[in-house]
Protein backbone atom coordinates (compact mmCIF):
# COMPACT_ATOMS: atom_id res chain seq x y z
CA MET A 1 0.00 0.00 0.00
CA LYS A 2 1.26 3.47 -0.87
CA SER A 3 1.94 6.12 1.77
CA LEU A 4 -0.77 8.36 3.21
CA LEU A 5 -1.92 11.10 0.81
CA LYS A 6 -3.27 14.35 2.23
CA PHE A 7 -5.18 16.41 -0.31
CA ILE A 8 -7.43 19.46 -0.41
CA THR A 9 -10.54 20.16 -2.48
CA CYS A 10 -11.02 23.79 -3.43
CA GLY A 11 -12.49 26.03 -6.09
CA SER A 12 -15.20 28.64 -6.42
CA VAL A 13 -18.59 28.69 -4.68
CA ASP A 14 -20.97 25.87 -5.69
CA ASP A 15 -18.45 24.09 -7.90
CA GLY A 16 -19.40 20.82 -6.16
CA LYS A 17 -16.45 20.12 -3.87
CA SER A 18 -18.43 18.52 -1.03
CA THR A 19 -20.61 16.62 -3.48
CA LEU A 20 -17.56 15.19 -5.24
CA ILE A 21 -15.96 13.84 -2.06
CA GLY A 22 -19.30 12.62 -0.73
CA HIS A 23 -20.00 10.71 -3.96
CA MET A 24 -16.47 9.27 -3.90
CA LEU A 25 -17.00 7.89 -0.39
CA TYR A 26 -20.48 6.61 -1.22
CA ASP A 27 -19.53 4.79 -4.43
CA ALA A 28 -16.41 3.29 -2.83
CA LYS A 29 -18.64 1.92 -0.05
CA LEU A 30 -16.58 3.68 2.59
CA LEU A 31 -19.58 4.67 4.74
CA PHE A 32 -20.99 2.94 7.77
CA ALA A 33 -24.56 1.72 7.52
CA ASP A 34 -25.89 4.44 9.86
CA GLN A 35 -24.08 7.15 7.84
CA GLU A 36 -25.65 5.91 4.62
CA GLN A 37 -29.10 5.75 6.20
CA SER A 38 -28.72 9.24 7.67
CA LEU A 39 -27.64 10.57 4.26
CA GLN A 40 -30.72 9.11 2.60
CA LEU A 41 -33.04 10.62 5.21
CA ASP A 42 -31.39 14.05 5.21
CA SER A 43 -31.47 14.19 1.40
CA LYS A 44 -35.25 13.89 1.40
CA VAL A 45 -35.65 17.15 3.33
CA GLY A 46 -32.77 19.00 1.69
CA SER A 47 -32.47 21.07 -1.46
CA ALA A 48 -31.68 18.21 -3.86
CA GLY A 49 -35.29 17.60 -4.88
CA GLY A 50 -35.34 14.17 -3.27
CA ASP A 51 -32.14 13.01 -5.02
CA MET A 52 -29.14 11.93 -2.99
CA ASP A 53 -27.32 15.03 -1.69
CA TYR A 54 -23.77 13.74 -1.23
CA SER A 55 -22.51 17.11 0.06
CA LEU A 56 -24.30 16.45 3.38
CA LEU A 57 -21.57 13.93 4.24
CA LEU A 58 -19.13 16.82 4.64
CA ASP A 59 -21.23 19.94 5.28
CA GLY A 60 -22.04 19.32 8.93
CA LEU A 61 -22.70 22.84 10.21
CA LEU A 62 -26.32 23.98 10.32
CA ALA A 63 -25.43 27.18 8.46
CA GLU A 64 -23.76 25.11 5.74
CA ARG A 65 -26.86 23.00 5.22
CA GLU A 66 -29.17 26.00 5.27
CA GLN A 67 -27.14 27.98 2.74
CA GLY A 68 -25.91 25.04 0.67
CA ILE A 69 -22.29 26.18 0.92
CA THR A 70 -19.17 25.07 2.76
CA ILE A 71 -18.03 27.44 5.52
CA ASP A 72 -15.54 25.55 7.67
CA VAL A 73 -12.87 23.04 6.64
CA ALA A 74 -14.16 19.46 6.89
CA TYR A 75 -11.50 16.75 7.29
CA ARG A 76 -12.25 13.14 6.38
CA TYR A 77 -10.04 10.08 6.73
CA PHE A 78 -10.69 7.06 4.51
CA THR A 79 -8.84 4.04 3.19
CA THR A 80 -9.17 2.10 -0.06
CA ASP A 81 -7.47 -1.16 -0.98
CA ASN A 82 -4.53 0.77 -2.37
CA ARG A 83 -4.04 3.83 -0.15
CA SER A 84 -5.07 5.82 2.91
CA PHE A 85 -6.25 9.42 2.51
CA ILE A 86 -7.00 12.52 4.52
CA VAL A 87 -9.07 15.05 2.56
CA ALA A 88 -9.74 18.64 3.57
CA ASP A 89 -12.96 19.91 1.99
CA THR A 90 -12.58 23.69 2.02
CA PRO A 91 -15.01 26.59 1.38
CA GLY A 92 -15.14 28.32 -1.99
CA HIS A 93 -16.64 31.65 -0.90
CA GLU A 94 -14.13 34.50 -0.93
CA GLU A 95 -15.19 35.44 2.62
CA TYR A 96 -13.72 32.15 3.88
CA THR A 97 -10.45 32.20 1.95
CA ARG A 98 -8.52 32.02 5.25
CA ASN A 99 -10.18 28.66 5.96
CA MET A 100 -9.12 27.41 2.55
CA ALA A 101 -5.53 28.52 3.22
CA VAL A 102 -5.52 26.54 6.49
CA GLY A 103 -6.54 23.42 4.58
CA ALA A 104 -3.88 24.01 1.92
CA SER A 105 -1.14 24.32 4.53
CA PHE A 106 -1.44 20.65 5.46
CA ALA A 107 -1.97 19.11 2.00
CA ASP A 108 0.32 17.21 -0.39
CA ALA A 109 -1.95 17.71 -3.41
CA ALA A 110 -4.86 19.90 -4.51
CA VAL A 111 -8.06 18.83 -6.26
CA ILE A 112 -9.39 22.08 -7.75
CA LEU A 113 -12.94 22.01 -9.09
CA LEU A 114 -14.36 24.15 -11.88
CA ASP A 115 -17.94 24.49 -13.06
CA ALA A 116 -18.13 23.45 -16.73
CA THR A 117 -20.80 26.09 -17.29
CA LYS A 118 -18.53 28.89 -15.97
CA GLY A 119 -14.94 27.89 -16.68
CA VAL A 120 -11.94 29.42 -14.88
CA LEU A 121 -13.06 32.06 -12.36
CA PRO A 122 -11.04 34.57 -10.26
CA GLN A 123 -11.53 32.37 -7.17
CA THR A 124 -10.11 29.41 -9.13
CA ARG A 125 -6.99 31.45 -9.88
CA ARG A 126 -6.78 32.67 -6.27
CA HIS A 127 -7.00 29.15 -4.85
CA THR A 128 -4.40 27.86 -7.32
CA ARG A 129 -2.04 30.64 -6.29
CA ILE A 130 -2.61 30.01 -2.57
CA CYS A 131 -2.01 26.27 -3.02
CA SER A 132 1.26 27.05 -4.79
CA LEU A 133 2.20 29.51 -2.04
CA MET A 134 1.63 26.76 0.54
CA GLY A 135 4.05 24.44 -1.26
CA ILE A 136 1.61 22.24 -3.18
CA ARG A 137 3.12 21.05 -6.47
CA ASP A 138 0.59 18.36 -7.51
CA PHE A 139 -2.67 19.64 -9.01
CA VAL A 140 -5.78 17.81 -10.17
CA PHE A 141 -8.24 20.07 -12.03
CA THR A 142 -11.68 18.46 -12.21
CA VAL A 143 -14.08 20.12 -14.64
CA ASN A 144 -17.35 19.36 -12.85
CA LYS A 145 -21.01 19.49 -13.94
CA MET A 146 -20.26 18.06 -17.37
CA ASP A 147 -23.83 16.73 -17.34
CA LEU A 148 -25.11 20.34 -17.47
CA VAL A 149 -23.27 20.96 -20.76
CA GLY A 150 -24.35 17.66 -22.31
CA TYR A 151 -20.89 16.12 -21.77
CA ASP A 152 -19.66 18.33 -24.58
CA ARG A 153 -16.05 17.67 -25.54
CA ASP A 154 -15.41 21.14 -27.00
CA THR A 155 -16.48 22.79 -23.74
CA PHE A 156 -14.01 20.65 -21.80
CA GLU A 157 -11.17 21.24 -24.27
CA SER A 158 -11.70 24.99 -24.10
CA ILE A 159 -11.51 24.96 -20.30
CA ARG A 160 -8.52 22.59 -20.39
CA ARG A 161 -6.55 25.03 -22.57
CA GLU A 162 -7.38 27.88 -20.20
CA ILE A 163 -6.19 25.82 -17.21
CA GLN A 164 -2.94 24.92 -18.96
CA SER A 165 -2.31 28.58 -19.70
CA MET A 166 -3.00 29.51 -16.07
CA ILE A 167 -0.93 26.76 -14.42
CA GLY A 168 2.11 27.49 -16.60
CA GLU A 169 3.37 30.22 -14.27
CA PHE A 170 3.44 27.96 -11.19
CA PRO A 171 6.06 25.35 -10.25
CA THR A 172 4.47 21.90 -10.55
CA ASN A 173 5.35 18.25 -10.08
CA SER A 174 2.22 16.87 -11.80
CA VAL A 175 -0.94 18.28 -13.39
CA CYS A 176 -4.04 16.27 -14.28
CA ILE A 177 -7.16 17.76 -15.94
CA LEU A 178 -10.26 15.55 -16.16
CA PRO A 179 -14.01 15.94 -16.83
CA VAL A 180 -16.41 14.76 -14.11
CA SER A 181 -19.94 15.01 -12.83
CA ALA A 182 -19.88 14.92 -9.04
CA LYS A 183 -23.66 14.58 -8.81
CA ARG A 184 -23.88 11.70 -11.35
CA GLY A 185 -20.62 10.06 -10.33
CA ASP A 186 -19.00 10.30 -13.78
CA ASN A 187 -15.22 9.66 -13.72
CA ILE A 188 -15.10 9.84 -9.91
CA ASN A 189 -14.35 6.22 -9.01
CA VAL A 190 -14.79 4.45 -12.37
CA ARG A 191 -14.72 5.50 -16.00
CA SER A 192 -18.05 6.87 -17.26
CA ASP A 193 -19.87 5.76 -20.39
CA ASN A 194 -21.21 9.31 -20.70
CA LEU A 195 -17.72 10.53 -21.67
CA PRO A 196 -16.59 8.05 -24.35
CA TRP A 197 -14.30 10.63 -25.95
CA TYR A 198 -12.22 10.97 -22.75
CA GLU A 199 -9.43 8.41 -22.39
CA GLY A 200 -7.46 9.95 -19.55
CA ASP A 201 -7.34 9.28 -15.79
CA VAL A 202 -10.23 8.71 -13.40
CA LEU A 203 -10.08 10.69 -10.16
CA LEU A 204 -9.83 8.10 -7.35
CA PRO A 205 -7.50 5.65 -9.20
CA TYR A 206 -5.29 8.61 -10.13
CA LEU A 207 -5.04 9.75 -6.49
CA GLU A 208 -4.27 6.17 -5.42
CA GLN A 209 -1.18 6.12 -7.65
CA LEU A 210 -0.02 9.73 -7.24
CA GLU A 211 3.55 10.23 -5.98
CA PRO A 212 3.39 13.69 -4.39
CA TYR A 213 6.22 16.18 -4.43
CA ARG A 214 8.23 16.45 -1.23
CA ALA A 215 9.89 19.68 -0.16
CA ALA A 216 13.66 19.70 -0.53
CA ASP A 217 14.37 19.19 3.16
CA ASP A 218 18.03 18.22 3.38
CA GLN A 219 19.13 15.05 5.11
CA ALA A 220 20.80 16.89 7.99
CA PHE A 221 19.12 16.63 11.40
CA CYS A 222 16.84 19.54 12.35
CA MET A 223 14.35 19.79 15.22
CA PRO A 224 12.60 22.95 16.47
CA VAL A 225 12.22 22.78 20.26
CA GLN A 226 8.57 22.90 21.28
CA ARG A 227 8.86 22.21 25.00
CA VAL A 228 11.45 21.84 27.74
CA CYS A 229 10.71 18.80 29.92
CA ARG A 230 11.97 19.03 33.52
CA PRO A 231 10.18 16.40 35.67
CA ASP A 232 12.87 16.64 38.37
CA TYR A 233 16.30 18.13 38.96
CA LEU A 234 18.03 15.07 37.47
CA PHE A 235 16.54 15.31 33.97
CA ARG A 236 16.20 18.11 31.41
CA GLY A 237 14.95 17.11 27.98
CA PHE A 238 14.02 19.04 24.86
CA GLN A 239 10.90 17.91 23.06
CA GLY A 240 9.79 18.39 19.46
CA GLN A 241 9.20 16.67 16.14
CA ILE A 242 12.19 15.90 13.93
CA GLN A 243 11.74 17.85 10.68
CA SER A 244 14.60 16.32 8.71
CA GLY A 245 17.43 13.82 9.02
CA GLU A 246 18.12 11.57 11.96
CA VAL A 247 19.91 11.76 15.30
CA ARG A 248 21.75 9.15 17.41
CA THR A 249 22.98 9.13 20.97
CA GLY A 250 26.50 10.54 21.04
CA ASP A 251 25.96 12.89 18.09
CA GLU A 252 27.24 16.44 18.46
CA ILE A 253 24.47 18.94 17.81
CA THR A 254 24.33 22.74 17.60
CA VAL A 255 21.67 24.90 19.24
CA LEU A 256 20.42 27.83 17.20
CA PRO A 257 20.48 30.79 17.45
CA SER A 258 23.19 30.65 20.17
CA GLN A 259 25.37 28.17 18.18
CA GLU A 260 26.40 26.40 21.38
CA THR A 261 27.25 22.72 20.96
CA ALA A 262 26.66 19.61 23.06
CA HIS A 263 26.37 15.83 22.62
CA VAL A 264 23.17 13.79 22.74
CA LYS A 265 23.11 11.91 26.05
CA SER A 266 19.80 10.09 25.55
CA ILE A 267 16.79 9.91 23.23
CA ARG A 268 13.28 9.01 24.20
CA ILE A 269 10.46 8.26 21.75
CA MET A 270 7.20 8.40 23.67
CA ASP A 271 7.95 6.39 26.85
CA ARG A 272 10.86 4.29 25.62
CA ALA A 273 14.57 4.89 25.26
CA ALA A 274 16.06 4.75 21.76
CA GLU A 275 19.47 4.95 20.14
CA LEU A 276 18.15 6.45 16.90
CA ALA A 277 15.31 8.83 15.96
CA GLU A 278 14.26 9.82 12.44
CA LYS A 279 12.31 12.43 10.52
CA GLY A 280 8.67 12.75 11.59
CA GLN A 281 9.11 11.21 15.04
CA PRO A 282 8.24 13.16 18.23
CA VAL A 283 11.21 12.85 20.58
CA THR A 284 12.72 14.00 23.85
CA ILE A 285 16.46 14.70 23.61
CA GLU A 286 18.73 14.97 26.65
CA LEU A 287 22.11 16.69 26.26
CA ASP A 288 25.34 15.84 28.07
CA ARG A 289 25.78 19.35 29.48
CA GLU A 290 23.64 22.28 30.61
CA ILE A 291 23.26 24.93 27.92
CA ASP A 292 20.58 27.54 27.34
CA VAL A 293 17.82 25.92 25.28
CA SER A 294 14.18 27.05 25.33
CA ARG A 295 11.05 26.86 23.21
CA GLY A 296 11.77 28.32 19.79
CA CYS A 297 15.39 27.19 19.64
CA VAL A 298 16.36 24.75 16.88
CA LEU A 299 18.62 21.71 17.28
CA VAL A 300 20.68 20.91 14.16
CA ARG A 301 23.57 18.67 13.14
CA ASP A 302 25.99 19.21 10.24
CA SER A 303 23.92 22.03 8.79
CA LEU A 304 23.36 25.55 10.11
CA ARG A 305 20.14 27.42 9.23
CA PRO A 306 19.86 31.19 8.62
CA VAL A 307 19.42 33.28 11.76
CA SER A 308 18.21 36.84 11.17
CA ASN A 309 15.73 39.46 12.29
CA LEU A 310 15.01 40.58 8.74
CA LEU A 311 13.33 38.56 5.98
CA THR A 312 11.43 38.78 2.72
CA ALA A 313 8.16 36.81 2.68
CA THR A 314 5.19 36.22 0.41
CA ILE A 315 2.01 36.53 2.47
CA LEU A 316 -1.73 36.08 2.11
CA TRP A 317 -3.49 38.86 4.04
CA MET A 318 -6.52 37.43 5.91
CA ASP A 319 -7.53 40.23 8.29
CA ASP A 320 -10.60 42.44 7.88
CA SER A 321 -8.51 45.53 8.61
CA GLU A 322 -5.90 46.80 6.16
CA LEU A 323 -2.22 45.96 6.37
CA LEU A 324 -0.18 49.16 6.39
CA GLU A 325 3.57 49.54 6.39
CA GLY A 326 4.89 50.04 9.90
CA LYS A 327 2.23 47.95 11.67
CA ALA A 328 3.45 45.64 14.43
CA TYR A 329 2.43 42.00 14.86
CA PHE A 330 3.67 38.79 16.37
CA LEU A 331 5.68 36.72 13.88
CA LYS A 332 5.64 32.93 14.35
CA ILE A 333 8.12 30.71 12.51
CA GLY A 334 8.52 27.12 13.65
CA THR A 335 7.96 27.16 17.39
CA ARG A 336 9.29 30.70 17.94
CA MET A 337 7.09 33.77 18.24
CA VAL A 338 8.54 37.30 18.42
CA PRO A 339 7.27 40.88 17.96
CA ALA A 340 7.75 42.05 14.37
CA THR A 341 6.91 44.91 12.03
CA VAL A 342 5.90 44.79 8.37
CA GLN A 343 8.60 47.17 7.30
CA LYS A 344 7.71 47.45 3.62
CA ILE A 345 5.15 46.08 1.16
CA ASN A 346 7.47 45.45 -1.78
CA CYS A 347 4.70 44.62 -4.24
CA LYS A 348 1.18 43.22 -4.50
CA ILE A 349 0.57 40.19 -6.74
CA ASP A 350 -2.40 40.35 -9.08
CA VAL A 351 -4.39 37.18 -8.44
CA ASN A 352 -5.40 36.82 -12.10
CA THR A 353 -2.23 37.67 -13.99
CA GLY A 354 0.53 37.23 -11.40
CA GLU A 355 1.71 40.76 -12.21
CA GLN A 356 3.63 42.55 -9.47
CA LEU A 357 1.96 45.86 -8.63
CA PRO A 358 3.12 48.69 -6.35
CA ALA A 359 1.12 48.92 -3.11
CA ALA A 360 1.22 50.81 0.17
CA SER A 361 -1.49 48.70 1.83
CA LEU A 362 -3.21 45.32 1.59
CA THR A 363 -6.86 44.37 1.97
CA LYS A 364 -8.38 41.01 2.82
CA ASN A 365 -7.43 38.06 0.55
CA GLU A 366 -4.68 39.96 -1.28
CA ILE A 367 -1.21 38.45 -1.76
CA ALA A 368 1.99 40.47 -1.50
CA VAL A 369 5.74 40.29 -1.09
CA CYS A 370 6.82 42.08 2.10
CA THR A 371 9.92 42.85 4.10
CA ILE A 372 9.42 41.93 7.76
CA SER A 373 11.61 43.08 10.62
CA ALA A 374 11.56 41.02 13.84
CA ALA A 375 12.43 42.37 17.27
CA GLU A 376 14.82 39.45 17.84
CA ALA A 377 16.87 37.13 15.67
CA ILE A 378 14.89 34.05 14.69
CA VAL A 379 15.88 30.78 13.02
CA MET A 380 14.32 30.41 9.57
CA ASP A 381 14.87 28.88 6.14
CA GLU A 382 13.53 29.28 2.64
CA PHE A 383 10.17 27.54 2.29
CA THR A 384 11.45 25.52 -0.67
CA HIS A 385 14.07 24.03 1.66
CA SER A 386 11.98 23.51 4.78
CA ARG A 387 8.24 23.80 5.42
CA ALA A 388 8.81 23.83 9.18
CA LEU A 389 11.21 26.78 9.19
CA GLY A 390 9.93 28.44 6.02
CA GLY A 391 6.25 28.81 6.86
CA LEU A 392 5.08 31.79 8.92
CA ILE A 393 2.03 33.51 10.34
CA LEU A 394 1.44 37.07 11.53
CA ILE A 395 -0.74 37.43 14.63
CA ASP A 396 -2.59 40.57 15.68
CA ARG A 397 -1.11 41.72 18.99
CA VAL A 398 -4.44 42.94 20.33
CA THR A 399 -6.97 40.32 19.20
CA ASN A 400 -4.58 37.33 18.86
CA MET A 401 -6.24 36.56 15.52
CA THR A 402 -4.10 35.23 12.68
CA SER A 403 -3.81 38.17 10.30
CA ALA A 404 -1.67 36.56 7.59
CA CYS A 405 0.01 33.35 6.57
CA GLY A 406 2.95 33.09 4.24
CA THR A 407 6.31 31.67 3.30
CA VAL A 408 9.88 32.85 3.73
CA SER A 409 11.43 33.82 0.40
CA HIS A 410 14.82 34.45 1.94
CA ALA A 411 16.44 35.70 5.12
CA ILE A 412 18.22 39.03 4.90
CA SER A 413 21.42 38.62 6.84
CA ASP A 414 22.50 41.45 9.10
CA LYS A 415 26.04 40.82 7.86
CA ASP A 416 24.91 41.72 4.34
CA ARG A 417 23.31 45.00 5.39
CA VAL A 418 24.21 46.55 8.71
CA VAL A 419 26.12 45.42 11.77
CA TRP A 420 25.33 46.50 15.32
CA HIS A 421 28.42 47.88 17.04
CA ASP A 422 28.65 47.42 20.80
CA MET A 423 30.25 50.52 22.35
CA ASP A 424 32.48 50.66 25.39
CA ILE A 425 30.36 53.41 26.94
CA THR A 426 27.08 51.65 27.65
CA ARG A 427 23.60 52.83 28.53
CA GLU A 428 24.19 51.85 32.16
CA ILE A 429 27.37 53.94 32.35
CA ARG A 430 25.57 56.99 30.96
CA ALA A 431 22.61 56.52 33.31
CA ASN A 432 24.89 56.15 36.34
CA GLN A 433 26.81 59.25 35.33
CA LEU A 434 23.52 61.20 35.24
CA GLY A 435 22.30 59.56 38.44
CA GLN A 436 18.88 58.51 37.14
CA HIS A 437 16.88 55.71 35.56
CA PRO A 438 16.10 56.46 31.88
CA ARG A 439 12.39 56.32 31.11
CA THR A 440 10.02 57.36 28.32
CA LEU A 441 6.89 59.11 29.64
CA TRP A 442 4.47 58.68 26.73
CA LEU A 443 1.55 61.16 27.05
CA THR A 444 -1.39 60.26 24.83
CA GLY A 445 -4.83 61.85 24.48
CA LEU A 446 -7.06 63.85 22.18
CA SER A 447 -5.99 67.11 20.61
CA GLY A 448 -6.65 69.80 23.24
CA SER A 449 -6.54 67.36 26.15
CA GLY A 450 -3.59 69.23 27.68
CA LYS A 451 -0.77 66.83 26.80
CA SER A 452 1.74 69.45 25.69
CA THR A 453 0.99 71.76 28.64
CA LEU A 454 1.32 68.89 31.12
CA ALA A 455 4.50 67.60 29.51
CA ASN A 456 6.06 71.07 29.58
CA GLU A 457 5.19 71.67 33.25
CA LEU A 458 6.25 68.16 34.21
CA GLU A 459 9.63 68.61 32.53
CA LYS A 460 10.21 71.85 34.45
CA ARG A 461 9.51 70.02 37.74
CA LEU A 462 11.89 67.20 36.83
CA VAL A 463 14.67 69.57 35.77
CA ALA A 464 14.20 71.47 39.05
CA GLN A 465 14.94 68.18 40.83
CA GLY A 466 18.22 67.90 38.92
CA ARG A 467 17.01 65.27 36.43
CA HIS A 468 18.15 65.26 32.80
CA THR A 469 15.26 65.30 30.31
CA MET A 470 14.19 65.79 26.70
CA LEU A 471 10.68 66.72 25.57
CA LEU A 472 9.44 65.52 22.14
CA ASP A 473 6.31 67.38 21.03
CA GLY A 474 4.10 66.24 18.15
CA ASP A 475 3.92 69.53 16.22
CA ASN A 476 7.65 70.23 16.69
CA ILE A 477 8.66 66.79 15.42
CA ARG A 478 6.43 67.14 12.35
CA MET A 479 8.26 70.34 11.45
CA GLY A 480 11.56 68.48 11.20
CA LEU A 481 12.14 64.74 11.47
CA ASN A 482 8.66 63.79 10.24
CA LYS A 483 7.83 66.67 7.92
CA ASN A 484 7.51 64.21 5.00
CA LEU A 485 4.60 62.42 6.72
CA GLY A 486 0.90 63.22 6.41
CA PHE A 487 -2.04 62.21 8.59
CA ALA A 488 -3.24 59.07 6.80
CA GLU A 489 -3.27 55.93 8.93
CA ARG A 490 -0.04 54.52 7.51
CA ASP A 491 1.74 57.89 7.97
CA ARG A 492 0.58 58.05 11.58
CA ALA A 493 1.94 54.55 12.19
CA GLU A 494 5.31 55.57 10.74
CA ASN A 495 5.27 58.84 12.73
CA ILE A 496 4.92 56.96 16.01
CA ARG A 497 7.49 54.33 15.02
CA ARG A 498 10.12 56.99 14.33
CA ILE A 499 9.38 58.78 17.60
CA ALA A 500 9.71 55.51 19.52
CA GLU A 501 13.10 54.84 17.91
CA VAL A 502 14.29 58.36 18.81
CA ALA A 503 13.01 57.98 22.39
CA LYS A 504 14.86 54.67 22.72
CA LEU A 505 18.11 56.27 21.55
CA MET A 506 17.66 59.08 24.08
CA ASN A 507 16.97 56.52 26.82
CA ASP A 508 20.23 54.87 25.77
CA ALA A 509 21.88 58.25 26.34
CA GLY A 510 20.56 58.11 29.92
CA LEU A 511 17.83 60.73 29.48
CA ILE A 512 14.26 60.81 30.75
CA VAL A 513 12.16 61.41 27.63
CA LEU A 514 8.71 63.01 27.64
CA THR A 515 6.59 62.67 24.52
CA SER A 516 3.35 64.49 23.70
CA PHE A 517 1.54 62.78 20.82
CA ILE A 518 -2.09 62.00 20.15
CA SER A 519 -0.98 58.47 19.07
CA PRO A 520 -4.63 57.44 18.63
CA PHE A 521 -4.22 53.75 17.77
CA ARG A 522 -3.45 51.06 20.35
CA ARG A 523 -1.39 49.03 17.91
CA ASP A 524 0.95 52.00 17.33
CA ARG A 525 1.36 52.59 21.07
CA ASP A 526 1.94 48.84 21.53
CA ASN A 527 4.57 49.02 18.81
CA ALA A 528 6.24 51.94 20.60
CA ARG A 529 6.22 49.93 23.83
CA ALA A 530 7.83 46.98 22.01
CA ILE A 531 10.57 49.24 20.60
CA ILE A 532 11.34 51.09 23.83
CA GLY A 533 10.91 48.13 26.15
CA GLU A 534 10.42 48.19 29.91
CA ASP A 535 11.26 51.90 30.13
CA PHE A 536 7.96 52.78 28.40
CA ILE A 537 5.40 54.46 30.70
CA GLU A 538 2.03 55.20 29.11
CA ILE A 539 0.22 58.24 30.51
CA TYR A 540 -3.37 58.68 29.36
CA VAL A 541 -4.58 62.29 29.54
CA ALA A 542 -8.29 61.47 29.88
CA THR A 543 -10.00 64.69 28.80
CA PRO A 544 -13.50 64.26 27.25
CA LEU A 545 -14.02 65.29 23.62
CA GLU A 546 -16.49 68.04 24.59
CA GLU A 547 -13.91 69.65 26.90
CA CYS A 548 -11.20 69.39 24.23
CA GLU A 549 -13.42 71.23 21.76
CA LYS A 550 -13.97 74.03 24.28
CA ARG A 551 -10.19 74.48 24.59
CA ASP A 552 -9.67 74.44 20.81
CA VAL A 553 -7.71 77.68 20.36
CA LYS A 554 -6.64 76.69 16.84
CA GLY A 555 -10.20 76.04 15.66
CA LEU A 556 -9.21 72.60 14.39
CA TYR A 557 -12.27 70.74 15.69
CA GLN A 558 -14.61 73.22 14.00
CA GLN A 559 -12.75 72.86 10.70
CA ALA A 560 -12.87 69.08 11.04
CA ARG A 561 -16.63 69.12 11.63
CA GLU A 562 -17.03 71.32 8.55
CA GLY A 563 -15.08 68.76 6.52
CA LYS A 564 -12.13 71.07 5.93
CA ILE A 565 -9.69 68.76 7.74
CA GLY A 566 -9.67 65.04 7.02
CA ASN A 567 -8.56 62.19 9.31
CA PHE A 568 -8.97 64.33 12.41
CA THR A 569 -8.88 62.30 15.62
CA GLY A 570 -12.14 62.34 17.54
CA ILE A 571 -14.17 63.56 14.54
CA SER A 572 -13.38 61.69 11.32
CA SER A 573 -10.80 59.32 12.75
CA PRO A 574 -11.13 57.27 15.97
CA TYR A 575 -9.17 57.56 19.19
CA GLU A 576 -8.63 54.18 20.88
CA VAL A 577 -8.50 54.68 24.65
CA PRO A 578 -5.57 52.93 26.37
CA GLU A 579 -6.69 49.74 28.09
CA HIS A 580 -3.98 49.43 30.75
CA PRO A 581 -1.97 52.68 31.00
CA GLU A 582 0.52 52.99 33.82
CA ILE A 583 -0.97 56.41 34.68
CA THR A 584 -4.37 58.01 33.96
CA ILE A 585 -4.73 61.71 34.64
CA GLN A 586 -7.97 63.76 34.59
CA THR A 587 -7.75 67.44 33.60
CA GLU A 588 -11.37 68.58 33.28
CA GLY A 589 -12.34 71.20 35.85
CA ARG A 590 -8.86 71.27 37.42
CA GLY A 591 -6.09 73.85 37.46
CA ILE A 592 -2.73 73.10 35.91
CA GLY A 593 -0.95 73.21 39.26
CA GLU A 594 -3.23 70.63 40.89
CA THR A 595 -3.04 68.36 37.84
CA VAL A 596 0.76 68.49 37.61
CA ASP A 597 1.07 67.85 41.36
CA GLU A 598 -0.89 64.62 40.98
CA LEU A 599 1.01 63.61 37.85
CA MET A 600 4.36 64.36 39.46
CA SER A 601 3.59 62.20 42.48
CA LYS A 602 2.65 59.26 40.25
CA VAL A 603 5.65 59.70 37.97
CA GLU A 604 8.16 59.86 40.84
CA ASP A 605 7.11 56.39 42.00
CA LEU A 606 7.92 55.00 38.54
CA LEU A 607 11.15 56.92 37.94
CA GLY A 608 12.86 55.45 41.00
């Protein structure tokens, strides 16, 4: 029997994906008696006019049955006389493209359905491109609903030529194009008499014999560490699944990214000791000496992998909100997750033509090539070399939702671009010389809330105490460092990123930095916190909008309400209130002296 084949069914809405797999299982007699009986009963009350509705075998959600579409990914395991299979039946609606991408990430091959009455659609092209992005190199295009076009050969040949033209731009191991009728069972399990002119493959026998492409994982041992096992003080093991190669007791291995070396003292597979472990096995490895290894590290032998904090990746954007340059996320590669920023959208890829287009933002279901900068060095590899270290996801730092999935095109080595130089005079030396703890006091609030006034008075109090400070004000910075930035969302994100980098440098100089910026979006303030680190102190100046408008000496609110100023925070652009600021200060109905007294007392506790 051949090895397990994992494949995905995809295509546009109502192309018959669930029906095809359901009919395949039914005709191959791979259903239990109660499943078959339930299918017959459910079909009588469904939308198939009393005929057998094979899609019900996979569409299990109530919403799926009501709407007659697939929403979630349905996995089915089945075995024939020749092979075992796992199939992922995925949704065709554009709204659920992220679900389809999840199914593609696990598959060895793709069965892409097309409606013979419609031909190649944009969603067909999108799914083909996503499958290729996820490393699939074996494609089966099934032209379904041939019964609706009278099993016409010319219709099939026209669609076949269009598919061949489309698939030519993608790397492939095998391509099969065949005519079927999922509802009638034509060419699903056995050759159909309704298609006498077709002499090619039949779907199930073809899948039984398919030898899928395998990624070019080298033979050298590689294992990302998923968990450190420490049941008692006598044992410390590192657990994970071997991604390539093999390892034996006594082998010298290297830990990445530290590049420390040690020898394998013992290997455990499940609950038994072993001398040898191979690719695909979950293992616990004990080393002969104590070195720093934690989740996210990678154990390798005879082959180092790239370690960098900068990479180029091709991503599928799956979030409802736009991706803008400068946004911060969590980047997950292998078992390591670190804060990261989408530094640049290099180009957007047209889903129909494959053309590379300039873009400053991405919307849902778009594909692009991006440069991503991570906060820390991370072990990675090109996706064509390793799925485990070449696949990635971006996670929203607020909602924890997966915003994008993608593949590593290549790591950009720091050696090839810039090198960080450690100086003899350190941050600690400068801080000790000034006799203070460097901090960034980040004042945020609506325009007119009193941020600049408070920051100015607070700095005077701190200087009077003998502290060394620097005040960064929003308007002043925009007249110099950031004068090339506007007030669109992406410009605001970049404005805050630059300020955070400047504040961090000034903290490194030993200074206490005060900033006065509206900084309306949580993600931008979270990004600033990630850049500055533990020295970041968020101060929310909680002045109501109505009060801010009363204080509006520049008349900006009035102009914004009249539509003369666009993207104005509080009017035409939102302000996201901090959820957990270190300090919240109220200014409404209070004098400046009283307000600064309260703020000073709170700040002193945090400055040390």
